[in-house]
Protein backbone atom coordinates (compact mmCIF):
# COMPACT_ATOMS: atom_id res chain seq x y z
CA MET A 1 69.93 -162.86 -105.03
CA ILE A 2 71.06 -163.07 -101.41
CA VAL A 3 68.58 -164.60 -98.98
CA VAL A 4 69.03 -164.16 -95.22
CA ALA A 5 67.16 -166.70 -93.13
CA LYS A 6 66.74 -166.27 -89.39
CA ILE A 7 65.51 -169.11 -87.21
CA GLY A 8 64.57 -168.80 -83.56
CA THR A 9 65.20 -170.96 -80.52
CA SER A 10 61.66 -172.32 -80.33
CA SER A 11 61.97 -173.66 -83.90
CA LEU A 12 65.40 -175.24 -83.26
CA THR A 13 64.98 -177.01 -79.94
CA ASP A 14 62.76 -179.61 -78.34
CA GLY A 15 60.76 -179.21 -75.14
CA ALA A 16 63.81 -179.80 -72.95
CA GLY A 17 65.89 -177.20 -74.75
CA HIS A 18 68.03 -179.69 -76.66
CA ILE A 19 68.92 -178.87 -80.24
CA ASP A 20 66.54 -180.63 -82.63
CA GLY A 21 68.82 -182.13 -85.27
CA ALA A 22 65.91 -182.76 -87.62
CA ALA A 23 64.90 -179.06 -87.52
CA VAL A 24 68.45 -177.96 -88.34
CA ALA A 25 68.68 -180.57 -91.11
CA LYS A 26 65.40 -179.31 -92.59
CA LEU A 27 66.66 -175.71 -92.58
CA CYS A 28 69.94 -176.72 -94.22
CA ALA A 29 68.02 -178.66 -96.89
CA ASP A 30 66.03 -175.47 -97.55
CA VAL A 31 69.30 -173.55 -97.84
CA ALA A 32 70.58 -176.13 -100.33
CA GLU A 33 67.41 -175.67 -102.40
CA VAL A 34 67.97 -171.91 -102.50
CA ARG A 35 71.59 -172.44 -103.50
CA ALA A 36 70.56 -174.87 -106.24
CA ALA A 37 68.32 -172.12 -107.66
CA GLY A 38 71.41 -169.94 -108.10
CA HIS A 39 71.02 -167.77 -105.00
CA GLN A 40 73.30 -167.19 -102.02
CA ALA A 41 72.18 -167.78 -98.46
CA VAL A 42 73.06 -166.57 -94.97
CA VAL A 43 71.66 -168.17 -91.83
CA VAL A 44 71.13 -166.16 -88.65
CA THR A 45 70.52 -168.58 -85.83
CA SER A 46 69.47 -168.41 -82.23
CA GLY A 47 69.83 -171.34 -79.85
CA ALA A 48 73.24 -171.07 -78.20
CA ILE A 49 71.84 -170.38 -74.73
CA ALA A 50 69.13 -173.01 -75.07
CA ALA A 51 71.70 -175.52 -76.33
CA GLY A 52 74.04 -174.83 -73.42
CA GLN A 53 71.47 -175.28 -70.66
CA PRO A 54 71.11 -179.09 -70.89
CA ALA A 55 74.89 -179.54 -71.11
CA LEU A 56 75.24 -177.76 -67.77
CA GLY A 57 72.31 -179.50 -66.14
CA LEU A 58 70.21 -176.33 -66.28
CA ASP A 59 67.16 -177.75 -68.07
CA GLY A 60 63.99 -175.77 -67.59
CA ARG A 61 63.25 -172.07 -67.51
CA ARG A 62 65.77 -169.70 -69.08
CA PRO A 63 68.02 -168.09 -66.41
CA THR A 64 67.90 -164.32 -66.01
CA LYS A 65 71.32 -163.46 -64.55
CA LEU A 66 73.49 -161.86 -67.23
CA THR A 67 76.78 -163.58 -66.40
CA THR A 68 75.02 -166.96 -66.30
CA LEU A 69 73.54 -166.35 -69.76
CA GLN A 70 76.96 -165.40 -71.09
CA ALA A 71 78.55 -168.55 -69.67
CA ILE A 72 75.78 -170.81 -70.97
CA SER A 73 76.04 -169.31 -74.46
CA ALA A 74 79.80 -170.01 -74.54
CA VAL A 75 79.06 -173.68 -73.83
CA GLY A 76 76.12 -173.91 -76.22
CA GLN A 77 77.56 -172.11 -79.25
CA SER A 78 80.05 -174.84 -80.16
CA ARG A 79 77.35 -177.49 -79.78
CA LEU A 80 75.03 -175.50 -82.01
CA MET A 81 77.66 -175.09 -84.72
CA ARG A 82 78.57 -178.78 -84.66
CA VAL A 83 74.98 -179.65 -85.62
CA TYR A 84 74.98 -177.01 -88.38
CA ASP A 85 78.31 -178.21 -89.79
CA GLU A 86 77.05 -181.79 -90.01
CA ALA A 87 73.69 -180.80 -91.52
CA LEU A 88 75.28 -178.52 -94.14
CA ALA A 89 77.90 -181.14 -95.01
CA ALA A 90 75.09 -183.62 -95.67
CA GLN A 91 73.90 -181.18 -98.36
CA GLY A 92 77.40 -180.78 -99.80
CA LEU A 93 77.77 -177.31 -98.27
CA VAL A 94 80.34 -175.68 -96.02
CA GLY A 95 79.27 -173.51 -93.10
CA GLY A 96 81.27 -170.69 -91.53
CA GLN A 97 80.61 -169.34 -88.05
CA VAL A 98 80.31 -165.56 -87.74
CA LEU A 99 79.73 -164.01 -84.30
CA LEU A 100 78.66 -160.37 -84.31
CA SER A 101 77.98 -157.74 -81.67
CA PRO A 102 76.30 -154.32 -81.70
CA LEU A 103 79.72 -152.65 -82.05
CA ASP A 104 80.16 -154.28 -85.44
CA PHE A 105 77.24 -152.22 -86.76
CA ALA A 106 77.63 -149.00 -84.75
CA ASN A 107 81.33 -148.51 -85.54
CA HIS A 108 82.12 -147.64 -89.15
CA SER A 109 85.44 -149.48 -89.39
CA GLN A 110 84.06 -152.57 -87.65
CA TYR A 111 81.09 -152.55 -90.00
CA GLY A 112 83.39 -152.39 -93.01
CA ARG A 113 85.47 -155.33 -91.82
CA ALA A 114 82.39 -157.41 -91.03
CA GLY A 115 80.98 -156.70 -94.48
CA LYS A 116 84.21 -157.70 -96.24
CA THR A 117 84.36 -160.96 -94.30
CA MET A 118 80.74 -161.82 -95.07
CA ARG A 119 81.11 -161.02 -98.77
CA ARG A 120 84.29 -163.10 -99.05
CA LEU A 121 82.59 -166.06 -97.39
CA LEU A 122 79.79 -165.86 -99.95
CA GLU A 123 82.31 -165.59 -102.79
CA LEU A 124 83.95 -168.79 -101.54
CA GLY A 125 80.62 -170.59 -101.59
CA VAL A 126 80.37 -170.74 -97.80
CA VAL A 127 77.06 -170.50 -95.95
CA PRO A 128 77.69 -167.98 -93.14
CA VAL A 129 75.99 -169.07 -89.92
CA VAL A 130 75.60 -165.93 -87.84
CA ASN A 131 74.79 -165.52 -84.18
CA GLU A 132 75.06 -162.76 -81.65
CA ASN A 133 78.32 -162.96 -79.71
CA ASP A 134 76.36 -163.55 -76.51
CA ALA A 135 79.37 -164.55 -74.43
CA VAL A 136 80.67 -160.96 -74.47
CA ALA A 137 77.94 -158.76 -75.99
CA ASP A 138 75.58 -158.23 -73.08
CA ASP A 139 73.42 -155.67 -74.88
CA GLU A 140 72.00 -158.31 -77.20
CA ILE A 141 71.27 -160.72 -74.37
CA ARG A 142 69.36 -157.97 -72.58
CA MET A 143 67.51 -157.17 -75.81
CA GLY A 144 66.80 -160.87 -76.07
CA ASP A 145 66.37 -161.69 -79.76
CA ASN A 146 68.25 -162.15 -83.03
CA ASP A 147 65.51 -160.75 -85.26
CA ARG A 148 67.04 -157.29 -85.17
CA LEU A 149 70.47 -158.79 -85.81
CA ALA A 150 69.08 -160.55 -88.89
CA ALA A 151 67.75 -157.27 -90.27
CA LEU A 152 71.16 -155.65 -89.81
CA VAL A 153 72.88 -158.63 -91.44
CA ALA A 154 70.51 -158.34 -94.40
CA GLN A 155 71.62 -154.74 -94.80
CA LEU A 156 75.27 -155.69 -94.29
CA VAL A 157 75.34 -158.24 -97.12
CA GLY A 158 72.96 -156.39 -99.46
CA ALA A 159 70.27 -159.07 -99.31
CA GLU A 160 67.09 -158.84 -101.34
CA VAL A 161 65.01 -161.02 -99.02
CA LEU A 162 64.94 -161.58 -95.26
CA VAL A 163 63.03 -164.65 -94.10
CA LEU A 164 62.12 -164.72 -90.41
CA LEU A 165 61.29 -168.32 -89.58
CA THR A 166 59.03 -169.03 -86.66
CA ASP A 167 56.58 -171.62 -85.35
CA THR A 168 53.52 -170.01 -86.92
CA ALA A 169 52.56 -169.29 -90.54
CA GLY A 170 53.09 -165.54 -90.07
CA LEU A 171 51.27 -162.63 -88.45
CA HIS A 172 47.57 -163.29 -87.85
CA THR A 173 44.68 -161.00 -87.06
CA ALA A 174 44.76 -162.50 -83.54
CA ASP A 175 46.80 -165.09 -81.68
CA PRO A 176 45.99 -168.35 -83.53
CA ARG A 177 46.71 -170.33 -80.36
CA LEU A 178 43.81 -168.57 -78.66
CA VAL A 179 41.46 -167.56 -81.47
CA ALA A 180 40.39 -170.38 -83.78
CA ASP A 181 39.28 -168.17 -86.70
CA ALA A 182 42.36 -165.90 -86.70
CA SER A 183 43.43 -165.34 -90.30
CA LEU A 184 46.86 -164.82 -91.82
CA ILE A 185 47.84 -161.27 -92.79
CA GLU A 186 49.54 -161.90 -96.13
CA GLU A 187 51.00 -158.44 -96.82
CA ILE A 188 51.98 -155.39 -94.79
CA VAL A 189 52.78 -152.10 -96.47
CA GLN A 190 54.06 -150.32 -93.37
CA VAL A 191 54.74 -151.47 -89.81
CA ASP A 192 53.36 -148.98 -87.31
CA ARG A 193 52.83 -148.95 -83.55
CA ALA A 194 49.28 -150.23 -83.78
CA LEU A 195 50.45 -153.26 -85.73
CA LEU A 196 53.24 -153.90 -83.23
CA ALA A 197 50.64 -153.87 -80.45
CA VAL A 198 48.59 -156.53 -82.28
CA ALA A 199 51.68 -158.76 -82.50
CA GLY A 200 51.63 -159.54 -78.78
CA ARG A 201 54.23 -161.01 -76.46
CA PRO A 202 56.80 -163.85 -76.70
CA GLY A 203 55.15 -167.22 -77.01
CA THR A 204 57.59 -169.72 -75.47
CA ALA A 205 59.77 -170.02 -72.38
CA ARG A 206 62.92 -170.85 -74.37
CA GLY A 207 62.40 -168.34 -77.17
CA SER A 208 63.20 -164.77 -76.20
CA GLY A 209 61.57 -162.98 -79.10
CA GLY A 210 58.02 -162.97 -80.44
CA MET A 211 55.98 -161.67 -83.34
CA ALA A 212 56.48 -158.08 -82.19
CA THR A 213 60.27 -158.42 -82.49
CA LYS A 214 59.87 -159.88 -85.96
CA LEU A 215 57.74 -156.96 -87.07
CA ALA A 216 60.29 -154.54 -85.59
CA ALA A 217 63.02 -156.35 -87.52
CA ALA A 218 60.92 -156.29 -90.68
CA ARG A 219 60.54 -152.53 -90.27
CA MET A 220 64.33 -152.20 -90.05
CA ALA A 221 64.76 -154.34 -93.15
CA ALA A 222 62.15 -152.32 -95.03
CA TRP A 223 64.17 -149.16 -94.41
CA SER A 224 67.16 -151.02 -95.92
CA GLY A 225 65.21 -151.80 -99.07
CA VAL A 226 64.86 -155.47 -98.09
CA ARG A 227 61.62 -157.43 -98.47
CA THR A 228 60.79 -159.51 -95.40
CA VAL A 229 58.77 -162.71 -95.18
CA ILE A 230 57.62 -164.03 -91.79
CA ALA A 231 56.88 -167.71 -92.28
CA ALA A 232 56.72 -171.13 -90.63
CA ALA A 233 60.06 -172.90 -90.28
CA ALA A 234 58.29 -176.25 -90.77
CA ARG A 235 56.80 -175.31 -94.16
CA PRO A 236 58.36 -177.43 -96.97
CA GLY A 237 60.60 -175.37 -99.27
CA VAL A 238 59.90 -172.20 -97.33
CA LEU A 239 63.09 -170.34 -98.29
CA ALA A 240 62.78 -171.02 -102.02
CA ALA A 241 59.11 -170.03 -101.95
CA ALA A 242 59.91 -166.79 -100.10
CA ALA A 243 62.74 -165.96 -102.50
CA ALA A 244 60.45 -166.57 -105.48
CA GLY A 245 57.72 -164.37 -104.01
CA GLU A 246 55.12 -167.13 -103.99
CA PRO A 247 51.78 -165.95 -102.55
CA GLY A 248 50.63 -167.39 -99.24
CA VAL A 249 54.06 -168.42 -98.01
CA GLY A 250 53.73 -166.14 -94.97
CA THR A 251 53.38 -162.49 -94.05
CA VAL A 252 55.25 -160.26 -96.49
CA VAL A 253 56.46 -156.82 -95.36
CA ARG A 254 57.20 -154.57 -98.30
CA ALA A 255 60.50 -152.74 -98.67
CA HIS A 256 60.63 -148.94 -98.70
CA ASP A 257 61.87 -147.10 -101.76
CA ARG A 258 64.05 -144.95 -99.51
CA ARG A 259 67.07 -146.74 -98.01
CA LEU A 260 68.80 -145.65 -94.83
CA PRO A 261 72.56 -146.05 -94.42
CA VAL A 262 73.50 -148.53 -91.71
CA ARG A 263 74.42 -145.92 -89.09
CA LYS A 264 71.05 -144.21 -89.39
CA LEU A 265 69.33 -147.59 -89.49
CA TRP A 266 71.05 -148.38 -86.19
CA ILE A 267 70.04 -145.05 -84.66
CA GLY A 268 66.46 -145.32 -85.87
CA PHE A 269 65.74 -148.93 -85.02
CA GLY A 270 68.75 -150.65 -83.49
CA ILE A 271 68.96 -148.88 -80.11
CA GLY A 272 66.35 -148.06 -77.53
CA SER A 273 65.12 -144.56 -76.77
CA SER A 274 66.04 -142.95 -73.45
CA GLY A 275 63.58 -140.07 -73.65
CA THR A 276 61.50 -137.77 -75.80
CA LEU A 277 61.96 -134.22 -77.04
CA ARG A 278 58.80 -132.25 -77.84
CA ILE A 279 59.24 -129.74 -80.65
CA ASP A 280 57.10 -126.98 -82.11
CA ASP A 281 55.63 -127.00 -85.61
CA GLY A 282 58.38 -124.80 -87.04
CA ALA A 283 61.09 -127.18 -85.86
CA ARG A 284 59.13 -130.16 -87.17
CA ARG A 285 58.90 -128.64 -90.64
CA ALA A 286 62.60 -127.78 -90.59
CA LEU A 287 63.53 -131.35 -89.73
CA VAL A 288 61.15 -133.09 -92.11
CA GLU A 289 61.23 -130.74 -95.10
CA ARG A 290 64.68 -129.12 -94.95
CA HIS A 291 66.58 -131.90 -93.12
CA THR A 292 68.18 -129.48 -90.67
CA SER A 293 69.69 -130.14 -87.26
CA LEU A 294 67.49 -129.68 -84.22
CA LEU A 295 68.25 -126.52 -82.23
CA PRO A 296 67.14 -125.61 -78.68
CA ALA A 297 64.84 -122.88 -80.01
CA GLY A 298 62.47 -125.50 -81.40
CA VAL A 299 62.33 -127.67 -78.28
CA VAL A 300 59.28 -127.09 -76.09
CA GLY A 301 59.58 -130.03 -73.68
CA VAL A 302 61.97 -132.70 -72.41
CA GLU A 303 60.84 -136.10 -71.11
CA GLY A 304 63.02 -138.79 -69.58
CA ASP A 305 66.50 -138.91 -68.08
CA PHE A 306 69.27 -139.15 -70.68
CA ASP A 307 72.89 -138.21 -71.22
CA VAL A 308 75.07 -137.11 -74.13
CA ASP A 309 74.94 -139.52 -77.13
CA ASP A 310 71.81 -141.29 -75.88
CA ALA A 311 69.03 -141.91 -78.39
CA VAL A 312 65.80 -139.95 -78.02
CA GLU A 313 62.55 -139.78 -79.91
CA ILE A 314 61.47 -136.42 -81.29
CA ALA A 315 57.73 -135.75 -81.27
CA GLY A 316 55.53 -132.91 -82.46
CA THR A 317 53.00 -131.04 -80.37
CA ASP A 318 50.43 -133.72 -81.22
CA GLY A 319 52.63 -136.41 -79.65
CA ARG A 320 53.41 -138.11 -82.97
CA VAL A 321 57.04 -139.23 -83.24
CA VAL A 322 58.61 -137.73 -86.34
CA ALA A 323 62.30 -138.50 -85.80
CA LYS A 324 64.89 -140.15 -83.62
CA GLY A 325 68.46 -139.14 -82.96
CA LEU A 326 71.49 -138.99 -80.71
CA VAL A 327 71.47 -135.99 -78.39
CA ARG A 328 74.50 -133.77 -77.81
CA HIS A 329 73.37 -132.64 -74.36
CA SER A 330 71.89 -134.21 -71.24
CA SER A 331 68.22 -133.98 -70.34
CA ALA A 332 69.07 -131.67 -67.43
CA ARG A 333 70.82 -129.17 -69.68
CA LEU A 334 68.16 -129.30 -72.38
CA ALA A 335 65.43 -128.67 -69.83
CA GLU A 336 67.20 -125.34 -69.10
CA TRP A 337 67.76 -124.52 -72.77
CA CYS A 338 64.23 -125.14 -74.12
CA GLY A 339 63.20 -122.34 -76.48
CA ARG A 340 66.52 -120.49 -76.34
CA ARG A 341 68.02 -119.07 -79.51
CA THR A 342 71.62 -119.76 -80.52
CA ALA A 343 72.79 -116.30 -79.45
CA GLU A 344 71.59 -117.02 -75.91
CA LEU A 345 73.69 -120.19 -75.54
CA PRO A 346 77.27 -120.50 -74.23
CA PRO A 347 79.76 -120.14 -77.09
CA ASP A 348 81.98 -123.08 -76.11
CA VAL A 349 79.45 -125.94 -76.43
CA PRO A 350 77.66 -127.54 -79.42
CA HIS A 351 74.54 -125.55 -80.24
CA GLU A 352 72.71 -128.43 -81.90
CA VAL A 353 70.47 -130.59 -79.75
CA VAL A 354 70.61 -133.32 -82.39
CA HIS A 355 72.89 -132.89 -85.38
CA ARG A 356 71.38 -133.84 -88.74
CA ASP A 357 74.09 -136.48 -89.21
CA ASP A 358 72.75 -138.21 -86.09
CA LEU A 359 69.07 -137.75 -86.98
CA VAL A 360 66.64 -140.15 -88.66
CA ILE A 361 63.31 -138.88 -89.98
CA LEU A 362 60.67 -141.55 -89.36
């Protein structure tokens, strides 16, 4: 079994933003326990930006300027890895730094190379320590969390379990910091928009994610056939318990039977939507039941401002989103083409609004 463990900034650093060596040591001891049980482990870590701030005299609130964040992460990443190397060595393990960017998942050849590297590291007995390449990959800094990266890494290495470590025991019925009798939700069959709304907003100044980002990542992992456990980083033996499926370890999000390939996983959950296409019932049935491409004849409305190759949601007449895909035409052109049949379109342009190869049924 391959276990991917993601830990966030708030669980790795103290109040001043310094790396908490004891927290890293505890995580690495958990990794060693998983390895001793015969499993392989990958760590996805946040913390480079938070680790770099004190070194540059920038203690306090996280900066917002993109170039500043990139520079801080370049300073902090080496400091973060030094702590990991020492903590893993204390457990008799060797760590290997892997920095990834969105291109590594969106581009087929890049994805293949990343996968080969990760698999070879595991074959050599190395514990890959993965982070977003924040110094150059500005998209991830703007997105602001590594939860989604962890879900993609789980798919990349063929993991069976993704453990999202946080500073709470999992998802609760309400914010446990505000509601004393909030109870732990132990299992989730499907992550929907209502559940994401319950998850709330980020909880710390240093951490950039929150429970909502973890649920979004769990949804991605579920579509990869990966079981996700959202659990407390401080819990003793948390990784081994999650791998063994022990009850009560945290919030478990079940995996789907259907597995999306990585490109469609990226389209469906890895990139933001720039607009919405409204389609009629005939087009909806064609997409969902016959897995066809979307043609202009089935489009009844265009919302948002988008360009070629942008991602858009596709909703039925009732407003329910049924699919997501990459458009082949701009919003301005599609607004003119709504309802037109193929014979009415110019012959020298693609007639599909969204080709089925670029379409994910949700």
